[in-house]
């Protein structure tokens, strides 16, 4: 029984370990995508600060990155200009914000003009008097 409990550990096989390591590295390299085109996130708000007045590199005008400027300009556009249809359920509400028909100004069913009656004229005079009294 004492012999059954004492199992000897198998010696480490360096060749097998190296083969497993090579296979792991090979799988990682096969799926690896190296990204080297770094830039500023155009969708993040940029808070620019003024530079030092006597600094040469702050006042030097350089070439602008055309691709970044185009991406930044596109990020500032309204969603209706960027996409042809809503991208989320929340964008569906109000996506077509233009009226379906031109509303005539003389149609009383659609336009409720401000009407002056004796009561509204009186209250307007009272409110103006109160405002003048508070100011002066």
Protein backbone atom coordinates (compact mmCIF):
# COMPACT_ATOMS: atom_id res chain seq x y z
CA UNK A 1 0.00 0.00 0.00
CA UNK A 2 2.77 2.35 0.77
CA UNK A 3 4.11 1.76 -2.68
CA UNK A 4 0.76 2.61 -4.34
CA UNK A 5 0.59 5.95 -2.55
CA UNK A 6 4.09 6.82 -3.59
CA UNK A 7 3.68 7.35 -7.30
CA UNK A 8 6.74 8.55 -8.96
CA UNK A 9 6.41 11.67 -10.98
CA UNK A 10 7.22 11.25 -14.62
CA UNK A 11 10.33 13.10 -15.65
CA UNK A 12 9.78 16.32 -17.60
CA UNK A 13 10.01 15.74 -21.31
CA UNK A 14 11.65 18.87 -22.71
CA UNK A 15 10.92 17.88 -26.30
CA UNK A 16 7.16 17.69 -25.65
CA UNK A 17 7.16 20.98 -23.77
CA UNK A 18 9.00 22.68 -26.62
CA UNK A 19 6.56 21.23 -29.19
CA UNK A 20 3.58 22.53 -27.19
CA UNK A 21 5.23 25.94 -26.87
CA UNK A 22 5.92 26.11 -30.62
CA UNK A 23 2.31 25.19 -31.40
CA UNK A 24 1.00 27.88 -29.04
CA UNK A 25 3.25 30.55 -30.55
CA UNK A 26 2.30 29.46 -34.07
CA UNK A 27 -1.44 29.81 -33.27
CA UNK A 28 -0.92 33.25 -31.73
CA UNK A 29 1.08 34.50 -34.71
CA UNK A 30 -1.47 33.15 -37.16
CA UNK A 31 -4.28 35.17 -35.52
CA UNK A 32 -2.19 38.18 -34.60
CA UNK A 33 -2.86 41.49 -36.32
CA UNK A 34 -0.27 44.17 -35.75
CA UNK A 35 -1.77 47.65 -35.83
CA UNK A 36 0.73 50.44 -36.41
CA UNK A 37 -1.55 53.20 -37.72
CA UNK A 38 -2.00 55.20 -34.51
CA UNK A 39 -3.85 58.47 -34.26
CA UNK A 40 -6.13 60.58 -32.14
CA UNK A 41 -9.65 59.32 -31.52
CA UNK A 42 -11.84 61.71 -33.57
CA UNK A 43 -14.97 60.79 -31.60
CA UNK A 44 -13.54 62.05 -28.31
CA UNK A 45 -14.00 65.71 -27.43
CA UNK A 46 -10.75 67.61 -27.80
CA UNK A 47 -9.99 70.41 -25.39
CA UNK A 48 -7.20 72.43 -26.91
CA UNK A 49 -4.96 74.60 -24.82
CA UNK A 50 -2.91 77.49 -26.08
CA UNK A 51 0.82 77.00 -26.24
CA UNK A 52 3.59 79.05 -24.73
CA UNK A 53 3.99 82.41 -26.46
CA UNK A 54 7.74 82.14 -27.16
CA UNK A 55 7.83 78.46 -28.06
CA UNK A 56 8.89 77.72 -31.64
CA UNK A 57 7.22 74.31 -31.95
CA UNK A 58 3.83 75.56 -30.73
CA UNK A 59 3.60 78.33 -33.29
CA UNK A 60 5.05 76.41 -36.25
CA UNK A 61 2.50 75.53 -38.89
CA UNK A 62 2.85 72.00 -40.17
CA UNK A 63 1.11 69.69 -42.58
CA UNK A 64 -2.26 68.46 -41.38
CA UNK A 65 -3.12 64.80 -41.64
CA UNK A 66 -5.78 64.75 -44.37
CA UNK A 67 -7.20 61.38 -43.32
CA UNK A 68 -7.53 62.47 -39.69
CA UNK A 69 -9.15 65.76 -40.68
CA UNK A 70 -11.66 63.94 -42.89
CA UNK A 71 -12.46 61.45 -40.10
CA UNK A 72 -12.81 64.25 -37.56
CA UNK A 73 -15.12 66.18 -39.89
CA UNK A 74 -17.23 63.05 -40.42
CA UNK A 75 -17.44 62.43 -36.66
CA UNK A 76 -18.96 65.88 -36.15
CA UNK A 77 -21.76 65.31 -38.69
CA UNK A 78 -25.33 64.51 -37.76
CA UNK A 79 -26.24 60.80 -37.84
CA UNK A 80 -28.61 61.38 -40.78
CA UNK A 81 -25.65 62.65 -42.83
CA UNK A 82 -23.32 59.81 -41.81
CA UNK A 83 -25.72 56.89 -42.24
CA UNK A 84 -28.54 56.16 -44.67
CA UNK A 85 -30.68 54.45 -41.99
CA UNK A 86 -30.80 54.42 -38.15
CA UNK A 87 -28.10 52.30 -36.50
CA UNK A 88 -29.91 51.76 -33.18
CA UNK A 89 -33.49 51.55 -31.96
CA UNK A 90 -33.10 54.88 -30.16
CA UNK A 91 -32.11 56.60 -33.41
CA UNK A 92 -35.36 55.51 -35.07
CA UNK A 93 -37.25 58.04 -32.97
CA UNK A 94 -36.88 61.36 -34.72
CA UNK A 95 -34.81 60.02 -37.62
CA UNK A 96 -37.12 61.61 -40.20
CA UNK A 97 -37.59 64.98 -38.56
CA UNK A 98 -38.79 66.82 -41.66
CA UNK A 99 -42.56 67.39 -41.87
CA UNK A 100 -44.44 65.22 -44.31
CA UNK A 101 -46.31 68.17 -45.79
CA UNK A 102 -45.87 71.91 -45.89
CA UNK A 103 -48.12 73.52 -43.32
CA UNK A 104 -50.03 76.52 -44.60
CA UNK A 105 -49.84 79.45 -42.19
CA UNK A 106 -53.51 80.36 -42.59
CA UNK A 107 -54.90 76.95 -41.56
CA UNK A 108 -56.53 77.52 -38.16
CA UNK A 109 -56.56 73.80 -37.37
CA UNK A 110 -52.76 73.69 -37.25
CA UNK A 111 -51.76 77.19 -36.10
CA UNK A 112 -53.12 78.71 -32.94
CA UNK A 113 -52.06 82.31 -33.00
CA UNK A 114 -51.67 84.34 -29.85
CA UNK A 115 -54.92 86.16 -29.25
CA UNK A 116 -55.24 89.41 -27.35
CA UNK A 117 -58.34 89.70 -25.23
CA UNK A 118 -59.17 92.16 -22.48
CA UNK A 119 -57.91 89.74 -19.82
CA UNK A 120 -54.57 89.05 -21.53
CA UNK A 121 -53.99 92.76 -22.19
CA UNK A 122 -54.71 93.55 -18.53
CA UNK A 123 -52.34 90.84 -17.26
CA UNK A 124 -49.62 91.95 -19.67
CA UNK A 125 -49.90 95.49 -18.25
CA UNK A 126 -49.73 94.17 -14.67
CA UNK A 127 -46.64 92.07 -15.35
CA UNK A 128 -44.87 94.95 -17.06
CA UNK A 129 -45.67 97.25 -14.15
CA UNK A 130 -44.28 94.67 -11.69
CA UNK A 131 -41.11 94.26 -13.77
CA UNK A 132 -40.60 98.04 -13.94
CA UNK A 133 -41.19 98.36 -10.20
CA UNK A 134 -38.57 95.67 -9.45
CA UNK A 135 -36.01 97.25 -11.83
CA UNK A 136 -36.45 100.85 -10.76
